[in-house]
């Protein structure tokens, strides 16, 4: 323990327990900084991670690539009318892909080939 003389002239003891006034804010700042970094990592936008490739399709198969996203809705409706579930992915600004499950890929490809969506296959 260290000794110091207070304003009244009496000796005061400064112990280790009094360091919490200095350490507590420092610990809080470190915890908040670590929490912020974790949240940025967990809920970030994903920019800079690269564009999806064919290996990123998972279970889905690409049946159409379109130059405009709004052309995908009529194609999806056409596929849905035939009982084929589909999803849309836009990996870049002027490229939209329509994806289906592998079991439906043959029928979907035939429907896409016969359907004029205005700009893609």
C-alpha atoms as a PDB file:
ATOM      1  CA  UNK A   1       0.000   0.000   0.000  1.00  0.00           C
ATOM      2  CA  UNK A   2       1.146   3.486  -0.761  1.00  0.00           C
ATOM      3  CA  UNK A   3       0.834   6.388   1.615  1.00  0.00           C
ATOM      4  CA  UNK A   4      -0.232   9.871   0.633  1.00  0.00           C
ATOM      5  CA  UNK A   5      -1.018  12.979   2.589  1.00  0.00           C
ATOM      6  CA  UNK A   6      -4.524  14.346   2.150  1.00  0.00           C
ATOM      7  CA  UNK A   7      -5.785  17.938   2.260  1.00  0.00           C
ATOM      8  CA  UNK A   8      -6.388  17.644   5.999  1.00  0.00           C
ATOM      9  CA  UNK A   9      -2.806  16.715   6.611  1.00  0.00           C
ATOM     10  CA  UNK A  10      -3.606  13.167   7.628  1.00  0.00           C
ATOM     11  CA  UNK A  11      -2.002  10.175   5.994  1.00  0.00           C
ATOM     12  CA  UNK A  12      -4.330   8.290   3.660  1.00  0.00           C
ATOM     13  CA  UNK A  13      -3.849   4.758   2.467  1.00  0.00           C
ATOM     14  CA  UNK A  14      -4.158   4.121  -1.266  1.00  0.00           C
ATOM     15  CA  UNK A  15      -4.767   0.432  -1.835  1.00  0.00           C
ATOM     16  CA  UNK A  16      -5.165  -1.843  -4.799  1.00  0.00           C
ATOM     17  CA  UNK A  17      -8.932  -1.670  -4.356  1.00  0.00           C
ATOM     18  CA  UNK A  18      -8.840   1.983  -5.351  1.00  0.00           C
ATOM     19  CA  UNK A  19      -7.511   1.114  -8.823  1.00  0.00           C
ATOM     20  CA  UNK A  20     -11.009   0.154  -9.961  1.00  0.00           C
ATOM     21  CA  UNK A  21     -11.628   3.856 -10.657  1.00  0.00           C
ATOM     22  CA  UNK A  22      -8.949   3.648 -13.335  1.00  0.00           C
ATOM     23  CA  UNK A  23      -9.324   0.058 -14.520  1.00  0.00           C
ATOM     24  CA  UNK A  24     -13.127  -0.122 -14.765  1.00  0.00           C
ATOM     25  CA  UNK A  25     -13.471   2.487 -17.558  1.00  0.00           C
ATOM     26  CA  UNK A  26     -10.580   0.905 -19.447  1.00  0.00           C
ATOM     27  CA  UNK A  27     -12.171  -2.552 -19.218  1.00  0.00           C
ATOM     28  CA  UNK A  28     -15.538  -1.151 -20.323  1.00  0.00           C
ATOM     29  CA  UNK A  29     -13.944   0.516 -23.362  1.00  0.00           C
ATOM     30  CA  UNK A  30     -12.162  -2.689 -24.371  1.00  0.00           C
ATOM     31  CA  UNK A  31     -15.361  -4.755 -24.004  1.00  0.00           C
ATOM     32  CA  UNK A  32     -17.401  -2.245 -26.043  1.00  0.00           C
ATOM     33  CA  UNK A  33     -14.728  -2.173 -28.773  1.00  0.00           C
ATOM     34  CA  UNK A  34     -14.652  -5.981 -28.962  1.00  0.00           C
ATOM     35  CA  UNK A  35     -18.450  -6.116 -29.057  1.00  0.00           C
ATOM     36  CA  UNK A  36     -18.527  -3.562 -31.890  1.00  0.00           C
ATOM     37  CA  UNK A  37     -15.998  -5.574 -33.906  1.00  0.00           C
ATOM     38  CA  UNK A  38     -17.965  -8.781 -33.385  1.00  0.00           C
ATOM     39  CA  UNK A  39     -21.255  -7.156 -34.428  1.00  0.00           C
ATOM     40  CA  UNK A  40     -19.647  -5.667 -37.530  1.00  0.00           C
ATOM     41  CA  UNK A  41     -18.319  -9.092 -38.479  1.00  0.00           C
ATOM     42  CA  UNK A  42     -21.582 -10.930 -37.707  1.00  0.00           C
ATOM     43  CA  UNK A  43     -24.012  -8.479 -39.294  1.00  0.00           C
ATOM     44  CA  UNK A  44     -21.835  -6.825 -41.949  1.00  0.00           C
ATOM     45  CA  UNK A  45     -23.034  -6.303 -45.488  1.00  0.00           C
ATOM     46  CA  UNK A  46     -20.612  -8.822 -46.964  1.00  0.00           C
ATOM     47  CA  UNK A  47     -19.020  -6.341 -49.335  1.00  0.00           C
ATOM     48  CA  UNK A  48     -15.541  -7.354 -50.334  1.00  0.00           C
ATOM     49  CA  UNK A  49     -16.226 -11.062 -50.004  1.00  0.00           C
ATOM     50  CA  UNK A  50     -16.334 -11.522 -53.777  1.00  0.00           C
ATOM     51  CA  UNK A  51     -19.186 -12.293 -56.120  1.00  0.00           C
ATOM     52  CA  UNK A  52     -21.003 -15.596 -55.980  1.00  0.00           C
ATOM     53  CA  UNK A  53     -19.739 -18.264 -58.339  1.00  0.00           C
ATOM     54  CA  UNK A  54     -21.268 -21.457 -59.658  1.00  0.00           C
ATOM     55  CA  UNK A  55     -19.782 -23.259 -56.658  1.00  0.00           C
ATOM     56  CA  UNK A  56     -21.878 -21.007 -54.387  1.00  0.00           C
ATOM     57  CA  UNK A  57     -25.188 -22.153 -55.890  1.00  0.00           C
ATOM     58  CA  UNK A  58     -25.487 -24.937 -53.351  1.00  0.00           C
ATOM     59  CA  UNK A  59     -28.351 -27.216 -54.336  1.00  0.00           C
ATOM     60  CA  UNK A  60     -29.646 -24.870 -57.036  1.00  0.00           C
ATOM     61  CA  UNK A  61     -29.015 -24.869 -60.792  1.00  0.00           C
ATOM     62  CA  UNK A  62     -28.967 -21.720 -62.930  1.00  0.00           C
ATOM     63  CA  UNK A  63     -31.478 -21.935 -65.779  1.00  0.00           C
ATOM     64  CA  UNK A  64     -31.485 -18.321 -66.983  1.00  0.00           C
ATOM     65  CA  UNK A  65     -29.238 -15.262 -66.924  1.00  0.00           C
ATOM     66  CA  UNK A  66     -30.944 -11.940 -67.569  1.00  0.00           C
ATOM     67  CA  UNK A  67     -29.611  -8.433 -68.025  1.00  0.00           C
ATOM     68  CA  UNK A  68     -32.465  -6.827 -66.015  1.00  0.00           C
ATOM     69  CA  UNK A  69     -33.939  -7.878 -62.669  1.00  0.00           C
ATOM     70  CA  UNK A  70     -37.511  -6.917 -63.605  1.00  0.00           C
ATOM     71  CA  UNK A  71     -37.485  -9.520 -66.385  1.00  0.00           C
ATOM     72  CA  UNK A  72     -37.092 -12.275 -63.791  1.00  0.00           C
ATOM     73  CA  UNK A  73     -40.593 -11.848 -62.287  1.00  0.00           C
ATOM     74  CA  UNK A  74     -42.533 -12.927 -65.415  1.00  0.00           C
ATOM     75  CA  UNK A  75     -40.173 -15.854 -65.884  1.00  0.00           C
ATOM     76  CA  UNK A  76     -40.636 -16.911 -62.261  1.00  0.00           C
ATOM     77  CA  UNK A  77     -44.422 -16.693 -62.699  1.00  0.00           C
ATOM     78  CA  UNK A  78     -44.179 -18.877 -65.821  1.00  0.00           C
ATOM     79  CA  UNK A  79     -42.093 -21.440 -63.949  1.00  0.00           C
ATOM     80  CA  UNK A  80     -44.467 -21.342 -60.958  1.00  0.00           C
ATOM     81  CA  UNK A  81     -47.436 -22.008 -63.261  1.00  0.00           C
ATOM     82  CA  UNK A  82     -45.663 -25.221 -64.272  1.00  0.00           C
ATOM     83  CA  UNK A  83     -45.101 -26.150 -60.611  1.00  0.00           C
ATOM     84  CA  UNK A  84     -41.402 -25.260 -60.556  1.00  0.00           C
ATOM     85  CA  UNK A  85     -40.042 -23.349 -57.585  1.00  0.00           C
ATOM     86  CA  UNK A  86     -37.376 -20.778 -58.433  1.00  0.00           C
ATOM     87  CA  UNK A  87     -35.333 -18.023 -56.886  1.00  0.00           C
ATOM     88  CA  UNK A  88     -33.526 -14.974 -58.225  1.00  0.00           C
ATOM     89  CA  UNK A  89     -29.984 -13.826 -57.540  1.00  0.00           C
ATOM     90  CA  UNK A  90     -28.351 -10.596 -58.722  1.00  0.00           C
ATOM     91  CA  UNK A  91     -24.572 -11.047 -58.382  1.00  0.00           C
ATOM     92  CA  UNK A  92     -23.726  -7.839 -60.306  1.00  0.00           C
ATOM     93  CA  UNK A  93     -25.555  -4.674 -61.338  1.00  0.00           C
ATOM     94  CA  UNK A  94     -26.636  -5.854 -64.803  1.00  0.00           C
ATOM     95  CA  UNK A  95     -26.865  -9.590 -64.283  1.00  0.00           C
ATOM     96  CA  UNK A  96     -29.760 -11.490 -62.749  1.00  0.00           C
ATOM     97  CA  UNK A  97     -29.874 -15.275 -62.518  1.00  0.00           C
ATOM     98  CA  UNK A  98     -32.888 -17.547 -62.094  1.00  0.00           C
ATOM     99  CA  UNK A  99     -32.134 -20.707 -60.129  1.00  0.00           C
ATOM    100  CA  UNK A 100     -34.143 -23.914 -59.649  1.00  0.00           C
ATOM    101  CA  UNK A 101     -33.653 -27.262 -57.917  1.00  0.00           C
ATOM    102  CA  UNK A 102     -31.753 -29.916 -59.940  1.00  0.00           C
ATOM    103  CA  UNK A 103     -34.817 -32.185 -60.253  1.00  0.00           C
ATOM    104  CA  UNK A 104     -36.658 -29.389 -62.078  1.00  0.00           C
ATOM    105  CA  UNK A 105     -33.717 -28.121 -64.150  1.00  0.00           C
ATOM    106  CA  UNK A 106     -34.602 -29.998 -67.357  1.00  0.00           C
ATOM    107  CA  UNK A 107     -38.228 -28.881 -67.430  1.00  0.00           C
ATOM    108  CA  UNK A 108     -37.258 -25.350 -66.353  1.00  0.00           C
ATOM    109  CA  UNK A 109     -34.645 -25.055 -69.129  1.00  0.00           C
ATOM    110  CA  UNK A 110     -37.255 -26.111 -71.707  1.00  0.00           C
ATOM    111  CA  UNK A 111     -39.741 -23.539 -70.357  1.00  0.00           C
ATOM    112  CA  UNK A 112     -37.084 -20.806 -70.347  1.00  0.00           C
ATOM    113  CA  UNK A 113     -36.163 -21.587 -73.945  1.00  0.00           C
ATOM    114  CA  UNK A 114     -39.802 -21.248 -75.027  1.00  0.00           C
ATOM    115  CA  UNK A 115     -40.483 -18.094 -72.971  1.00  0.00           C
ATOM    116  CA  UNK A 116     -39.452 -14.683 -74.299  1.00  0.00           C
ATOM    117  CA  UNK A 117     -38.549 -12.534 -71.295  1.00  0.00           C
ATOM    118  CA  UNK A 118     -36.900  -9.827 -73.323  1.00  0.00           C
ATOM    119  CA  UNK A 119     -33.224 -10.312 -72.849  1.00  0.00           C
ATOM    120  CA  UNK A 120     -31.630 -13.471 -71.696  1.00  0.00           C
ATOM    121  CA  UNK A 121     -31.281 -17.205 -71.589  1.00  0.00           C
END
